[in-house]
Full PDB file with SEQRES, HELIX, SHEET, SSBOND, CRYST1, ORIGX, SCALE, CONECT and MASTER records, all heavy atoms in Angstrom:
SEQRES   1 A   32  ALA ALA GLN VAL PRO PRO ALA THR ALA PRO THR PRO PRO          
SEQRES   2 A   32  PRO SER ALA PRO ALA PRO ALA ALA ALA LYS GLN ALA ALA          
SEQRES   3 A   32  ALA PRO PRO LYS PRO ALA                                      
HELIX    1 AA1 ALA A   20  ALA A   25  1                                   6    
CRYST1    1.000    1.000    1.000  90.00  90.00  90.00 P 1           1          
ORIGX1      1.000000  0.000000  0.000000        0.00000                         
ORIGX2      0.000000  1.000000  0.000000        0.00000                         
ORIGX3      0.000000  0.000000  1.000000        0.00000                         
SCALE1      1.000000  0.000000  0.000000        0.00000                         
SCALE2      0.000000  1.000000  0.000000        0.00000                         
SCALE3      0.000000  0.000000  1.000000        0.00000                         
ATOM      1  N   ALA A   1      92.283  91.658  96.558  1.00  0.00           N  
ATOM      2  CA  ALA A   1      92.108  90.498  95.715  1.00  0.00           C  
ATOM      3  C   ALA A   1      90.684  89.999  95.830  1.00  0.00           C  
ATOM      4  O   ALA A   1      90.126  89.926  96.913  1.00  0.00           O  
ATOM      5  CB  ALA A   1      93.088  89.393  96.140  1.00  0.00           C  
ATOM      6  N   ALA A   2      90.091  89.650  94.686  1.00  0.00           N  
ATOM      7  CA  ALA A   2      88.705  89.186  94.686  1.00  0.00           C  
ATOM      8  C   ALA A   2      88.666  87.699  95.002  1.00  0.00           C  
ATOM      9  O   ALA A   2      88.364  86.866  94.166  1.00  0.00           O  
ATOM     10  CB  ALA A   2      88.049  89.470  93.338  1.00  0.00           C  
ATOM     11  N   GLN A   3      89.045  87.328  96.243  1.00  0.00           N  
ATOM     12  CA  GLN A   3      89.035  85.948  96.678  1.00  0.00           C  
ATOM     13  C   GLN A   3      88.155  85.822  97.905  1.00  0.00           C  
ATOM     14  O   GLN A   3      88.082  86.728  98.718  1.00  0.00           O  
ATOM     15  CB  GLN A   3      90.451  85.481  97.008  1.00  0.00           C  
ATOM     16  CG  GLN A   3      91.397  85.541  95.794  1.00  0.00           C  
ATOM     17  CD  GLN A   3      92.798  85.137  96.174  1.00  0.00           C  
ATOM     18  OE1 GLN A   3      93.096  84.940  97.334  1.00  0.00           O  
ATOM     19  NE2 GLN A   3      93.650  84.987  95.192  1.00  0.00           N  
ATOM     20  N   VAL A   4      87.549  84.658  98.044  1.00  0.00           N  
ATOM     21  CA  VAL A   4      86.703  84.442  99.211  1.00  0.00           C  
ATOM     22  C   VAL A   4      87.596  84.163 100.402  1.00  0.00           C  
ATOM     23  O   VAL A   4      88.371  83.212 100.391  1.00  0.00           O  
ATOM     24  CB  VAL A   4      85.746  83.260  98.986  1.00  0.00           C  
ATOM     25  CG1 VAL A   4      84.902  83.016 100.227  1.00  0.00           C  
ATOM     26  CG2 VAL A   4      84.885  83.512  97.781  1.00  0.00           C  
ATOM     27  N   PRO A   5      87.581  84.990 101.451  1.00  0.00           N  
ATOM     28  CA  PRO A   5      88.430  84.764 102.607  1.00  0.00           C  
ATOM     29  C   PRO A   5      87.916  83.590 103.425  1.00  0.00           C  
ATOM     30  O   PRO A   5      86.746  83.229 103.345  1.00  0.00           O  
ATOM     31  CB  PRO A   5      88.314  86.077 103.392  1.00  0.00           C  
ATOM     32  CG  PRO A   5      86.995  86.611 103.001  1.00  0.00           C  
ATOM     33  CD  PRO A   5      86.764  86.183 101.585  1.00  0.00           C  
ATOM     34  N   PRO A   6      88.790  82.971 104.225  1.00  0.00           N  
ATOM     35  CA  PRO A   6      88.355  81.862 105.071  1.00  0.00           C  
ATOM     36  C   PRO A   6      87.237  82.297 105.988  1.00  0.00           C  
ATOM     37  O   PRO A   6      87.211  83.414 106.479  1.00  0.00           O  
ATOM     38  CB  PRO A   6      89.634  81.500 105.847  1.00  0.00           C  
ATOM     39  CG  PRO A   6      90.754  82.053 105.029  1.00  0.00           C  
ATOM     40  CD  PRO A   6      90.203  83.253 104.348  1.00  0.00           C  
ATOM     41  N   ALA A   7      86.320  81.358 106.286  1.00  0.00           N  
ATOM     42  CA  ALA A   7      85.165  81.701 107.113  1.00  0.00           C  
ATOM     43  C   ALA A   7      85.574  82.086 108.516  1.00  0.00           C  
ATOM     44  O   ALA A   7      84.939  82.899 109.170  1.00  0.00           O  
ATOM     45  CB  ALA A   7      84.193  80.520 107.155  1.00  0.00           C  
ATOM     46  N   THR A   8      86.674  81.492 108.985  1.00  0.00           N  
ATOM     47  CA  THR A   8      87.074  81.770 110.366  1.00  0.00           C  
ATOM     48  C   THR A   8      87.865  83.047 110.495  1.00  0.00           C  
ATOM     49  O   THR A   8      87.963  83.594 111.581  1.00  0.00           O  
ATOM     50  CB  THR A   8      87.929  80.609 110.896  1.00  0.00           C  
ATOM     51  OG1 THR A   8      89.044  80.431 110.022  1.00  0.00           O  
ATOM     52  CG2 THR A   8      87.103  79.330 110.962  1.00  0.00           C  
ATOM     53  N   ALA A   9      88.451  83.515 109.428  1.00  0.00           N  
ATOM     54  CA  ALA A   9      89.271  84.737 109.505  1.00  0.00           C  
ATOM     55  C   ALA A   9      89.105  85.522 108.231  1.00  0.00           C  
ATOM     56  O   ALA A   9      89.946  85.467 107.346  1.00  0.00           O  
ATOM     57  CB  ALA A   9      90.746  84.393 109.722  1.00  0.00           C  
ATOM     58  N   PRO A  10      88.025  86.262 108.098  1.00  0.00           N  
ATOM     59  CA  PRO A  10      87.768  87.041 106.876  1.00  0.00           C  
ATOM     60  C   PRO A  10      88.888  88.018 106.608  1.00  0.00           C  
ATOM     61  O   PRO A  10      89.398  88.648 107.522  1.00  0.00           O  
ATOM     62  CB  PRO A  10      86.451  87.759 107.182  1.00  0.00           C  
ATOM     63  CG  PRO A  10      85.847  87.004 108.323  1.00  0.00           C  
ATOM     64  CD  PRO A  10      86.974  86.428 109.088  1.00  0.00           C  
ATOM     65  N   THR A  11      89.238  88.135 105.317  1.00  0.00           N  
ATOM     66  CA  THR A  11      90.297  89.059 104.946  1.00  0.00           C  
ATOM     67  C   THR A  11      89.760  90.469 104.851  1.00  0.00           C  
ATOM     68  O   THR A  11      88.849  90.715 104.085  1.00  0.00           O  
ATOM     69  CB  THR A  11      90.897  88.664 103.583  1.00  0.00           C  
ATOM     70  OG1 THR A  11      91.343  87.318 103.663  1.00  0.00           O  
ATOM     71  CG2 THR A  11      92.048  89.592 103.223  1.00  0.00           C  
ATOM     72  N   PRO A  12      90.308  91.415 105.636  1.00  0.00           N  
ATOM     73  CA  PRO A  12      89.812  92.792 105.555  1.00  0.00           C  
ATOM     74  C   PRO A  12      90.271  93.443 104.282  1.00  0.00           C  
ATOM     75  O   PRO A  12      91.287  93.049 103.719  1.00  0.00           O  
ATOM     76  CB  PRO A  12      90.449  93.463 106.784  1.00  0.00           C  
ATOM     77  CG  PRO A  12      91.695  92.677 107.026  1.00  0.00           C  
ATOM     78  CD  PRO A  12      91.383  91.273 106.618  1.00  0.00           C  
ATOM     79  N   PRO A  13      89.532  94.436 103.790  1.00  0.00           N  
ATOM     80  CA  PRO A  13      89.976  95.170 102.606  1.00  0.00           C  
ATOM     81  C   PRO A  13      91.251  95.909 102.907  1.00  0.00           C  
ATOM     82  O   PRO A  13      91.543  96.234 104.061  1.00  0.00           O  
ATOM     83  CB  PRO A  13      88.812  96.126 102.323  1.00  0.00           C  
ATOM     84  CG  PRO A  13      88.053  96.202 103.596  1.00  0.00           C  
ATOM     85  CD  PRO A  13      88.260  94.914 104.295  1.00  0.00           C  
ATOM     86  N   PRO A  14      92.066  96.217 101.883  1.00  0.00           N  
ATOM     87  CA  PRO A  14      93.359  96.858 102.102  1.00  0.00           C  
ATOM     88  C   PRO A  14      93.268  98.174 102.817  1.00  0.00           C  
ATOM     89  O   PRO A  14      94.204  98.582 103.475  1.00  0.00           O  
ATOM     90  CB  PRO A  14      93.916  97.048 100.680  1.00  0.00           C  
ATOM     91  CG  PRO A  14      93.098  96.182  99.817  1.00  0.00           C  
ATOM     92  CD  PRO A  14      91.798  95.946 100.476  1.00  0.00           C  
ATOM     93  N   SER A  15      92.131  98.900 102.663  1.00  0.00           N  
ATOM     94  CA  SER A  15      92.037 100.221 103.267  1.00  0.00           C  
ATOM     95  C   SER A  15      91.797 100.158 104.760  1.00  0.00           C  
ATOM     96  O   SER A  15      91.924 101.155 105.451  1.00  0.00           O  
ATOM     97  CB  SER A  15      90.912 101.026 102.608  1.00  0.00           C  
ATOM     98  OG  SER A  15      89.684 100.338 102.783  1.00  0.00           O  
ATOM     99  N   ALA A  16      91.429  98.939 105.272  1.00  0.00           N  
ATOM    100  CA  ALA A  16      91.122  98.858 106.692  1.00  0.00           C  
ATOM    101  C   ALA A  16      92.393  98.935 107.502  1.00  0.00           C  
ATOM    102  O   ALA A  16      93.417  98.372 107.155  1.00  0.00           O  
ATOM    103  CB  ALA A  16      90.397  97.550 106.981  1.00  0.00           C  
ATOM    104  N   PRO A  17      92.377  99.631 108.653  1.00  0.00           N  
ATOM    105  CA  PRO A  17      93.555  99.722 109.482  1.00  0.00           C  
ATOM    106  C   PRO A  17      93.906  98.374 110.068  1.00  0.00           C  
ATOM    107  O   PRO A  17      93.046  97.543 110.326  1.00  0.00           O  
ATOM    108  CB  PRO A  17      93.166 100.736 110.565  1.00  0.00           C  
ATOM    109  CG  PRO A  17      91.765 101.120 110.325  1.00  0.00           C  
ATOM    110  CD  PRO A  17      91.249 100.374 109.144  1.00  0.00           C  
ATOM    111  N   ALA A  18      95.173  98.129 110.300  1.00  0.00           N  
ATOM    112  CA  ALA A  18      95.624  96.892 110.903  1.00  0.00           C  
ATOM    113  C   ALA A  18      95.177  96.818 112.341  1.00  0.00           C  
ATOM    114  O   ALA A  18      95.003  97.834 112.994  1.00  0.00           O  
ATOM    115  CB  ALA A  18      97.157  96.801 110.814  1.00  0.00           C  
ATOM    116  N   PRO A  19      94.972  95.607 112.893  1.00  0.00           N  
ATOM    117  CA  PRO A  19      94.576  95.496 114.297  1.00  0.00           C  
ATOM    118  C   PRO A  19      95.596  96.121 115.200  1.00  0.00           C  
ATOM    119  O   PRO A  19      96.795  96.121 114.945  1.00  0.00           O  
ATOM    120  CB  PRO A  19      94.482  93.979 114.511  1.00  0.00           C  
ATOM    121  CG  PRO A  19      94.313  93.407 113.140  1.00  0.00           C  
ATOM    122  CD  PRO A  19      95.035  94.316 112.217  1.00  0.00           C  
ATOM    123  N   ALA A  20      95.124  96.642 116.341  1.00  0.00           N  
ATOM    124  CA  ALA A  20      96.002  97.351 117.264  1.00  0.00           C  
ATOM    125  C   ALA A  20      97.073  96.431 117.807  1.00  0.00           C  
ATOM    126  O   ALA A  20      98.223  96.825 118.006  1.00  0.00           O  
ATOM    127  CB  ALA A  20      95.176  97.933 118.405  1.00  0.00           C  
ATOM    128  N   ALA A  21      96.691  95.153 118.073  1.00  0.00           N  
ATOM    129  CA  ALA A  21      97.659  94.231 118.650  1.00  0.00           C  
ATOM    130  C   ALA A  21      98.840  94.031 117.724  1.00  0.00           C  
ATOM    131  O   ALA A  21      99.993  93.980 118.152  1.00  0.00           O  
ATOM    132  CB  ALA A  21      96.985  92.895 118.949  1.00  0.00           C  
ATOM    133  N   ALA A  22      98.561  93.919 116.422  1.00  0.00           N  
ATOM    134  CA  ALA A  22      99.650  93.729 115.464  1.00  0.00           C  
ATOM    135  C   ALA A  22     100.560  94.933 115.430  1.00  0.00           C  
ATOM    136  O   ALA A  22     101.771  94.822 115.295  1.00  0.00           O  
ATOM    137  CB  ALA A  22      99.081  93.444 114.085  1.00  0.00           C  
ATOM    138  N   LYS A  23      99.979  96.131 115.526  1.00  0.00           N  
ATOM    139  CA  LYS A  23     100.788  97.343 115.495  1.00  0.00           C  
ATOM    140  C   LYS A  23     101.704  97.421 116.709  1.00  0.00           C  
ATOM    141  O   LYS A  23     102.842  97.857 116.629  1.00  0.00           O  
ATOM    142  CB  LYS A  23      99.883  98.567 115.436  1.00  0.00           C  
ATOM    143  CG  LYS A  23      99.084  98.675 114.170  1.00  0.00           C  
ATOM    144  CD  LYS A  23      98.214  99.905 114.205  1.00  0.00           C  
ATOM    145  CE  LYS A  23      97.354  99.960 112.953  1.00  0.00           C  
ATOM    146  NZ  LYS A  23      96.454 101.092 112.957  1.00  0.00           N  
ATOM    147  N   GLN A  24     101.164  96.999 117.904  1.00  0.00           N  
ATOM    148  CA  GLN A  24     101.970  97.098 119.107  1.00  0.00           C  
ATOM    149  C   GLN A  24     103.041  96.021 119.137  1.00  0.00           C  
ATOM    150  O   GLN A  24     104.125  96.225 119.684  1.00  0.00           O  
ATOM    151  CB  GLN A  24     101.050  96.966 120.330  1.00  0.00           C  
ATOM    152  CG  GLN A  24     100.091  98.149 120.467  1.00  0.00           C  
ATOM    153  CD  GLN A  24      99.110  97.952 121.609  1.00  0.00           C  
ATOM    154  OE1 GLN A  24      99.042  96.871 122.168  1.00  0.00           O  
ATOM    155  NE2 GLN A  24      98.360  98.983 121.933  1.00  0.00           N  
ATOM    156  N   ALA A  25     102.717  94.842 118.556  1.00  0.00           N  
ATOM    157  CA  ALA A  25     103.669  93.750 118.606  1.00  0.00           C  
ATOM    158  C   ALA A  25     104.879  94.006 117.740  1.00  0.00           C  
ATOM    159  O   ALA A  25     105.995  93.636 118.076  1.00  0.00           O  
ATOM    160  CB  ALA A  25     102.989  92.448 118.169  1.00  0.00           C  
ATOM    161  N   ALA A  26     104.680  94.638 116.597  1.00  0.00           N  
ATOM    162  CA  ALA A  26     105.807  94.880 115.688  1.00  0.00           C  
ATOM    163  C   ALA A  26     105.668  96.252 115.092  1.00  0.00           C  
ATOM    164  O   ALA A  26     105.264  96.404 113.962  1.00  0.00           O  
ATOM    165  CB  ALA A  26     105.843  93.813 114.597  1.00  0.00           C  
ATOM    166  N   ALA A  27     105.989  97.247 115.877  1.00  0.00           N  
ATOM    167  CA  ALA A  27     105.889  98.621 115.396  1.00  0.00           C  
ATOM    168  C   ALA A  27     106.973  98.869 114.370  1.00  0.00           C  
ATOM    169  O   ALA A  27     108.153  98.743 114.675  1.00  0.00           O  
ATOM    170  CB  ALA A  27     106.037  99.587 116.564  1.00  0.00           C  
ATOM    171  N   PRO A  28     106.629  99.187 113.148  1.00  0.00           N  
ATOM    172  CA  PRO A  28     107.635  99.391 112.096  1.00  0.00           C  
ATOM    173  C   PRO A  28     108.327 100.717 112.279  1.00  0.00           C  
ATOM    174  O   PRO A  28     107.819 101.622 112.940  1.00  0.00           O  
ATOM    175  CB  PRO A  28     106.796  99.379 110.798  1.00  0.00           C  
ATOM    176  CG  PRO A  28     105.467  99.888 111.250  1.00  0.00           C  
ATOM    177  CD  PRO A  28     105.284  99.389 112.649  1.00  0.00           C  
ATOM    178  N   PRO A  29     109.518 100.870 111.706  1.00  0.00           N  
ATOM    179  CA  PRO A  29     110.167 102.179 111.765  1.00  0.00           C  
ATOM    180  C   PRO A  29     109.362 103.192 110.995  1.00  0.00           C  
ATOM    181  O   PRO A  29     108.563 102.849 110.134  1.00  0.00           O  
ATOM    182  CB  PRO A  29     111.529 101.918 111.083  1.00  0.00           C  
ATOM    183  CG  PRO A  29     111.284 100.712 110.223  1.00  0.00           C  
ATOM    184  CD  PRO A  29     110.288  99.872 110.963  1.00  0.00           C  
ATOM    185  N   LYS A  30     109.535 104.456 111.320  1.00  0.00           N  
ATOM    186  CA  LYS A  30     108.788 105.531 110.664  1.00  0.00           C  
ATOM    187  C   LYS A  30     109.044 105.519 109.170  1.00  0.00           C  
ATOM    188  O   LYS A  30     110.192 105.594 108.734  1.00  0.00           O  
ATOM    189  CB  LYS A  30     109.218 106.871 111.258  1.00  0.00           C  
ATOM    190  CG  LYS A  30     108.420 108.038 110.716  1.00  0.00           C  
ATOM    191  CD  LYS A  30     108.817 109.293 111.433  1.00  0.00           C  
ATOM    192  CE  LYS A  30     108.041 110.472 110.874  1.00  0.00           C  
ATOM    193  NZ  LYS A  30     108.391 111.728 111.546  1.00  0.00           N  
ATOM    194  N   PRO A  31     107.996 105.361 108.364  1.00  0.00           N  
ATOM    195  CA  PRO A  31     108.195 105.276 106.914  1.00  0.00           C  
ATOM    196  C   PRO A  31     108.611 106.602 106.315  1.00  0.00           C  
ATOM    197  O   PRO A  31     108.440 107.654 106.913  1.00  0.00           O  
ATOM    198  CB  PRO A  31     106.809 104.849 106.401  1.00  0.00           C  
ATOM    199  CG  PRO A  31     105.862 105.364 107.437  1.00  0.00           C  
ATOM    200  CD  PRO A  31     106.600 105.279 108.742  1.00  0.00           C  
ATOM    201  N   ALA A  32     109.117 106.495 105.095  1.00  0.00           N  
ATOM    202  CA  ALA A  32     109.483 107.729 104.393  1.00  0.00           C  
ATOM    203  C   ALA A  32     108.242 108.530 104.111  1.00  0.00           C  
ATOM    204  O   ALA A  32     107.155 107.984 103.965  1.00  0.00           O  
ATOM    205  CB  ALA A  32     110.188 107.374 103.072  1.00  0.00           C  
TER     206      ALA A  32                                                      
MASTER        0    0    0    1    0    0    0    6  205    1    0    3          
END                                                                             
């Protein structure tokens, strides 16, 4: 989305990988 992200927490582009902490905290089931 072409929106200005908050200065304190810039929104990463969709192609960027999610932070490692988020992945470890809620590991999703293996996708199709």
